[in-house]
């Protein structure tokens, strides 16, 4: 019986991961009114340049723009930090999680640049990774507690 419940839970987790990843890819390549820009490639390879500009020129940006770009780039990736280690054993260590998250993220940023549907920005990678790492910490705190309380039958994973 326990194996059946675990299999169903894994199926729902995999479905959530696929759906969430699909939505994120849509937003990164199509959403937010993105269109192909035929001019030059847009990219930023200087860490913290874009992030710093939001703070240096804070008065030049609407607060909603800063919140969406900084908060959104962090918050939207928190679920990956939870879903990846739930689905993939190799993502249960921070190194395994980090490599499994950063490599595809860099590929997506490169594709956005080459396909000219956005800009490749190292700051996006930094913020997205920060969000996913926050999710990973939440995963460790929540599921670590569940494992330790498992002997009482409560919070069993």
Protein backbone atom coordinates (compact mmCIF):
# COMPACT_ATOMS: atom_id res chain seq x y z
CA UNK A 1 0.00 0.00 0.00
CA UNK A 2 2.78 2.42 0.91
CA UNK A 3 4.54 1.77 -2.43
CA UNK A 4 1.31 2.57 -4.29
CA UNK A 5 0.95 5.91 -2.46
CA UNK A 6 4.56 6.79 -3.15
CA UNK A 7 4.14 5.97 -6.85
CA UNK A 8 1.06 8.18 -7.09
CA UNK A 9 2.86 10.99 -5.28
CA UNK A 10 5.81 10.70 -7.67
CA UNK A 11 3.44 10.80 -10.63
CA UNK A 12 1.79 13.99 -9.34
CA UNK A 13 5.19 15.53 -8.62
CA UNK A 14 6.40 14.68 -12.13
CA UNK A 15 3.22 16.14 -13.63
CA UNK A 16 3.68 19.33 -11.59
CA UNK A 17 7.31 19.56 -12.71
CA UNK A 18 6.44 19.11 -16.39
CA UNK A 19 3.57 21.59 -16.23
CA UNK A 20 5.60 24.18 -14.31
CA UNK A 21 8.62 23.80 -16.60
CA UNK A 22 6.38 24.17 -19.66
CA UNK A 23 4.82 27.34 -18.27
CA UNK A 24 8.23 28.78 -17.42
CA UNK A 25 9.59 28.03 -20.90
CA UNK A 26 6.53 29.66 -22.42
CA UNK A 27 7.09 32.79 -20.32
CA UNK A 28 10.79 32.86 -21.13
CA UNK A 29 10.33 32.53 -24.89
CA UNK A 30 6.83 33.77 -25.73
CA UNK A 31 5.23 35.46 -22.72
CA UNK A 32 5.43 39.08 -21.64
CA UNK A 33 4.80 40.24 -25.20
CA UNK A 34 8.13 38.90 -26.41
CA UNK A 35 8.81 39.12 -30.09
CA UNK A 36 11.86 38.40 -32.19
CA UNK A 37 14.02 41.50 -32.42
CA UNK A 38 16.05 41.52 -35.61
CA UNK A 39 18.70 43.93 -34.45
CA UNK A 40 21.83 42.97 -32.53
CA UNK A 41 22.13 40.20 -29.98
CA UNK A 42 21.26 41.42 -26.50
CA UNK A 43 23.29 40.07 -23.63
CA UNK A 44 24.98 41.00 -20.38
CA UNK A 45 27.99 39.02 -19.19
CA UNK A 46 28.91 41.36 -16.31
CA UNK A 47 27.64 39.91 -13.03
CA UNK A 48 25.43 42.28 -11.01
CA UNK A 49 25.32 44.97 -13.73
CA UNK A 50 21.56 44.73 -14.27
CA UNK A 51 20.86 44.10 -10.59
CA UNK A 52 23.08 47.02 -9.60
CA UNK A 53 21.40 49.35 -12.08
CA UNK A 54 18.06 48.74 -10.40
CA UNK A 55 19.53 50.04 -7.15
CA UNK A 56 21.76 52.78 -8.56
CA UNK A 57 19.02 54.20 -10.79
CA UNK A 58 16.11 53.23 -8.54
CA UNK A 59 14.34 56.55 -9.14
CA UNK A 60 14.37 55.90 -12.90
CA UNK A 61 12.36 52.68 -12.66
CA UNK A 62 8.78 52.14 -11.60
CA UNK A 63 8.72 50.09 -8.42
CA UNK A 64 6.63 47.45 -10.19
CA UNK A 65 9.39 46.97 -12.79
CA UNK A 66 12.01 46.45 -10.09
CA UNK A 67 9.73 44.11 -8.15
CA UNK A 68 8.84 42.04 -11.22
CA UNK A 69 12.42 41.79 -12.47
CA UNK A 70 14.15 41.09 -9.17
CA UNK A 71 11.40 39.42 -7.17
CA UNK A 72 9.99 37.57 -10.16
CA UNK A 73 13.36 36.21 -11.26
CA UNK A 74 13.86 34.85 -7.75
CA UNK A 75 10.35 33.82 -6.77
CA UNK A 76 9.37 32.11 -10.00
CA UNK A 77 12.23 29.63 -9.64
CA UNK A 78 11.67 28.58 -6.01
CA UNK A 79 9.50 25.60 -7.08
CA UNK A 80 12.41 24.10 -9.03
CA UNK A 81 14.41 23.90 -5.80
CA UNK A 82 11.66 21.77 -4.31
CA UNK A 83 10.62 19.70 -7.33
CA UNK A 84 14.08 18.70 -8.59
CA UNK A 85 15.19 16.91 -5.40
CA UNK A 86 11.75 15.34 -5.00
CA UNK A 87 12.01 13.82 -8.47
CA UNK A 88 15.70 13.11 -8.96
CA UNK A 89 17.90 11.43 -6.38
CA UNK A 90 21.05 13.12 -7.75
CA UNK A 91 19.49 16.52 -6.97
CA UNK A 92 19.28 15.76 -3.25
CA UNK A 93 22.82 17.01 -2.71
CA UNK A 94 23.42 20.71 -3.23
CA UNK A 95 26.12 20.10 -5.84
CA UNK A 96 23.92 17.71 -7.81
CA UNK A 97 21.00 20.12 -7.57
CA UNK A 98 23.16 23.09 -8.58
CA UNK A 99 24.60 21.41 -11.67
CA UNK A 100 21.23 20.00 -12.70
CA UNK A 101 19.68 23.45 -12.46
CA UNK A 102 22.41 25.80 -13.73
CA UNK A 103 23.41 23.94 -16.90
CA UNK A 104 19.89 23.91 -18.43
CA UNK A 105 19.35 27.48 -17.23
CA UNK A 106 22.45 28.69 -19.08
CA UNK A 107 21.28 26.84 -22.20
CA UNK A 108 17.91 28.62 -21.98
CA UNK A 109 19.61 32.02 -21.58
CA UNK A 110 21.82 31.29 -24.59
CA UNK A 111 18.79 30.23 -26.64
CA UNK A 112 16.96 33.43 -25.70
CA UNK A 113 19.93 35.41 -26.98
CA UNK A 114 20.54 33.44 -30.18
CA UNK A 115 16.82 33.29 -31.05
CA UNK A 116 16.56 37.00 -30.18
CA UNK A 117 13.50 36.59 -28.01
CA UNK A 118 15.09 38.18 -24.99
CA UNK A 119 18.48 38.95 -23.67
CA UNK A 120 21.00 36.57 -22.23
CA UNK A 121 21.76 38.06 -18.85
CA UNK A 122 24.11 36.60 -16.27
CA UNK A 123 22.09 38.46 -13.65
CA UNK A 124 19.02 36.43 -14.64
CA UNK A 125 21.06 33.28 -14.04
CA UNK A 126 22.17 34.61 -10.63
CA UNK A 127 18.63 35.57 -9.58
CA UNK A 128 17.04 32.39 -10.94
CA UNK A 129 19.65 30.28 -9.16
CA UNK A 130 19.08 32.23 -5.93
CA UNK A 131 15.37 31.46 -6.15
CA UNK A 132 15.90 27.78 -6.91
CA UNK A 133 18.45 27.57 -4.08
CA UNK A 134 15.91 29.09 -1.71
CA UNK A 135 13.50 26.37 -2.80
CA UNK A 136 16.21 23.76 -2.20
CA UNK A 137 16.72 25.05 1.35
CA UNK A 138 12.96 24.89 1.93
CA UNK A 139 12.97 21.32 0.59
CA UNK A 140 15.78 20.36 2.99
CA UNK A 141 14.08 21.99 5.98
CA UNK A 142 10.62 20.57 5.33
CA UNK A 143 11.53 17.12 4.07
CA UNK A 144 14.47 16.76 6.45
CA UNK A 145 12.06 17.28 9.34
CA UNK A 146 9.61 14.82 7.87
CA UNK A 147 12.25 12.13 7.64
CA UNK A 148 13.31 12.66 11.25
CA UNK A 149 9.72 12.58 12.50
CA UNK A 150 8.99 9.51 10.39
CA UNK A 151 9.57 7.14 13.28
CA UNK A 152 6.34 8.34 14.88
CA UNK A 153 4.41 7.80 11.67
CA UNK A 154 3.77 11.52 11.29
CA UNK A 155 5.16 13.40 8.29
CA UNK A 156 6.36 10.22 6.61
CA UNK A 157 7.89 10.83 3.18
